[in-house]
Amino acid sequence: MAIQQYTCNSGNNQRWEVQTVGHTYRFRKMGSGKCLMITSAWSKSGAHLRQSTCGSTTAQYFRFESEIY
């Protein structure tokens, strides 16, 4: 299932649990129990995301980095 931006409505379909795993984060959807996942090898801005069964693939683990312009 693709991830879409939508107006906030406080439903479980818009709630995510943030799980800390070492120095990375995984986002688990409250309604479906599935995890946010990058669908390609692209790791920069504009990467496509979808929900997928939670697992150990690195495509489900994220880290925050600052960019200096």
C-alpha atoms as a PDB file:
ATOM      1  CA  MET A   1       0.000   0.000   0.000  1.00  0.00           C
ATOM      2  CA  ALA A   2       1.452   3.375  -1.017  1.00  0.00           C
ATOM      3  CA  ILE A   3       1.828   6.193   1.510  1.00  0.00           C
ATOM      4  CA  GLN A   4      -0.197   9.336   0.783  1.00  0.00           C
ATOM      5  CA  GLN A   5      -0.322  12.735   2.438  1.00  0.00           C
ATOM      6  CA  TYR A   6      -3.779  13.559   3.724  1.00  0.00           C
ATOM      7  CA  THR A   7      -5.524  16.102   5.969  1.00  0.00           C
ATOM      8  CA  CYS A   8      -5.142  15.114   9.652  1.00  0.00           C
ATOM      9  CA  ASN A   9      -8.176  13.394  11.168  1.00  0.00           C
ATOM     10  CA  SER A  10      -6.659  11.651  14.266  1.00  0.00           C
ATOM     11  CA  GLY A  11      -7.717   8.188  13.035  1.00  0.00           C
ATOM     12  CA  ASN A  12      -5.606   5.057  13.533  1.00  0.00           C
ATOM     13  CA  ASN A  13      -4.940   5.139   9.801  1.00  0.00           C
ATOM     14  CA  GLN A  14      -2.759   8.205  10.495  1.00  0.00           C
ATOM     15  CA  ARG A  15      -1.018   7.040  13.678  1.00  0.00           C
ATOM     16  CA  TRP A  16       2.500   5.631  13.661  1.00  0.00           C
ATOM     17  CA  GLU A  17       4.550   4.078  16.463  1.00  0.00           C
ATOM     18  CA  VAL A  18       8.220   5.090  16.344  1.00  0.00           C
ATOM     19  CA  GLN A  19      10.487   2.203  17.353  1.00  0.00           C
ATOM     20  CA  THR A  20      14.113   2.968  18.237  1.00  0.00           C
ATOM     21  CA  VAL A  21      16.540   0.310  16.996  1.00  0.00           C
ATOM     22  CA  GLY A  22      20.123   1.267  17.870  1.00  0.00           C
ATOM     23  CA  HIS A  23      20.797   4.538  16.042  1.00  0.00           C
ATOM     24  CA  THR A  24      17.917   4.043  13.608  1.00  0.00           C
ATOM     25  CA  TYR A  25      14.131   4.291  13.711  1.00  0.00           C
ATOM     26  CA  ARG A  26      11.334   2.142  12.335  1.00  0.00           C
ATOM     27  CA  PHE A  27       7.785   3.459  11.859  1.00  0.00           C
ATOM     28  CA  ARG A  28       4.971   0.958  12.553  1.00  0.00           C
ATOM     29  CA  LYS A  29       1.415   1.800  11.471  1.00  0.00           C
ATOM     30  CA  MET A  30      -1.062   1.569  14.349  1.00  0.00           C
ATOM     31  CA  GLY A  31      -4.029   0.506  12.196  1.00  0.00           C
ATOM     32  CA  SER A  32      -2.351  -2.183  10.077  1.00  0.00           C
ATOM     33  CA  GLY A  33       0.665  -3.149  12.188  1.00  0.00           C
ATOM     34  CA  LYS A  34       2.824  -2.834   9.057  1.00  0.00           C
ATOM     35  CA  CYS A  35       6.057  -0.861   8.769  1.00  0.00           C
ATOM     36  CA  LEU A  36       7.054   2.062   6.579  1.00  0.00           C
ATOM     37  CA  MET A  37       9.466   0.953   3.850  1.00  0.00           C
ATOM     38  CA  ILE A  38      11.467   2.603   1.055  1.00  0.00           C
ATOM     39  CA  THR A  39      10.494   0.890  -2.215  1.00  0.00           C
ATOM     40  CA  SER A  40      13.796   1.430  -4.066  1.00  0.00           C
ATOM     41  CA  ALA A  41      17.487   1.907  -3.368  1.00  0.00           C
ATOM     42  CA  TRP A  42      16.966   5.688  -3.405  1.00  0.00           C
ATOM     43  CA  SER A  43      17.724   7.131   0.052  1.00  0.00           C
ATOM     44  CA  LYS A  44      17.481  10.866  -0.643  1.00  0.00           C
ATOM     45  CA  SER A  45      14.510  13.250  -0.649  1.00  0.00           C
ATOM     46  CA  GLY A  46      11.684  12.076  -2.897  1.00  0.00           C
ATOM     47  CA  ALA A  47      12.063   8.348  -2.228  1.00  0.00           C
ATOM     48  CA  HIS A  48       8.845   6.344  -2.617  1.00  0.00           C
ATOM     49  CA  LEU A  49       7.440   4.748   0.527  1.00  0.00           C
ATOM     50  CA  ARG A  50       4.905   2.006   1.202  1.00  0.00           C
ATOM     51  CA  GLN A  51       3.639  -0.198   4.036  1.00  0.00           C
ATOM     52  CA  SER A  52       5.066  -3.685   4.321  1.00  0.00           C
ATOM     53  CA  THR A  53       5.136  -6.545   6.814  1.00  0.00           C
ATOM     54  CA  CYS A  54       7.682  -5.601   9.496  1.00  0.00           C
ATOM     55  CA  GLY A  55      10.983  -7.424   9.176  1.00  0.00           C
ATOM     56  CA  SER A  56      14.737  -6.966   9.291  1.00  0.00           C
ATOM     57  CA  THR A  57      15.233  -5.377   5.854  1.00  0.00           C
ATOM     58  CA  THR A  58      17.292  -2.182   6.018  1.00  0.00           C
ATOM     59  CA  ALA A  59      14.664  -0.468   3.831  1.00  0.00           C
ATOM     60  CA  GLN A  60      12.482  -0.210   6.982  1.00  0.00           C
ATOM     61  CA  TYR A  61      15.077   1.550   9.134  1.00  0.00           C
ATOM     62  CA  PHE A  62      15.570   5.301   9.022  1.00  0.00           C
ATOM     63  CA  ARG A  63      17.929   7.818  10.531  1.00  0.00           C
ATOM     64  CA  PHE A  64      17.737  11.568  10.731  1.00  0.00           C
ATOM     65  CA  GLU A  65      20.509  13.655   9.182  1.00  0.00           C
ATOM     66  CA  SER A  66      20.874  17.392   8.926  1.00  0.00           C
ATOM     67  CA  GLU A  67      21.566  19.041   5.601  1.00  0.00           C
ATOM     68  CA  ILE A  68      23.493  22.274   5.361  1.00  0.00           C
ATOM     69  CA  TYR A  69      22.579  24.554   2.485  1.00  0.00           C
END
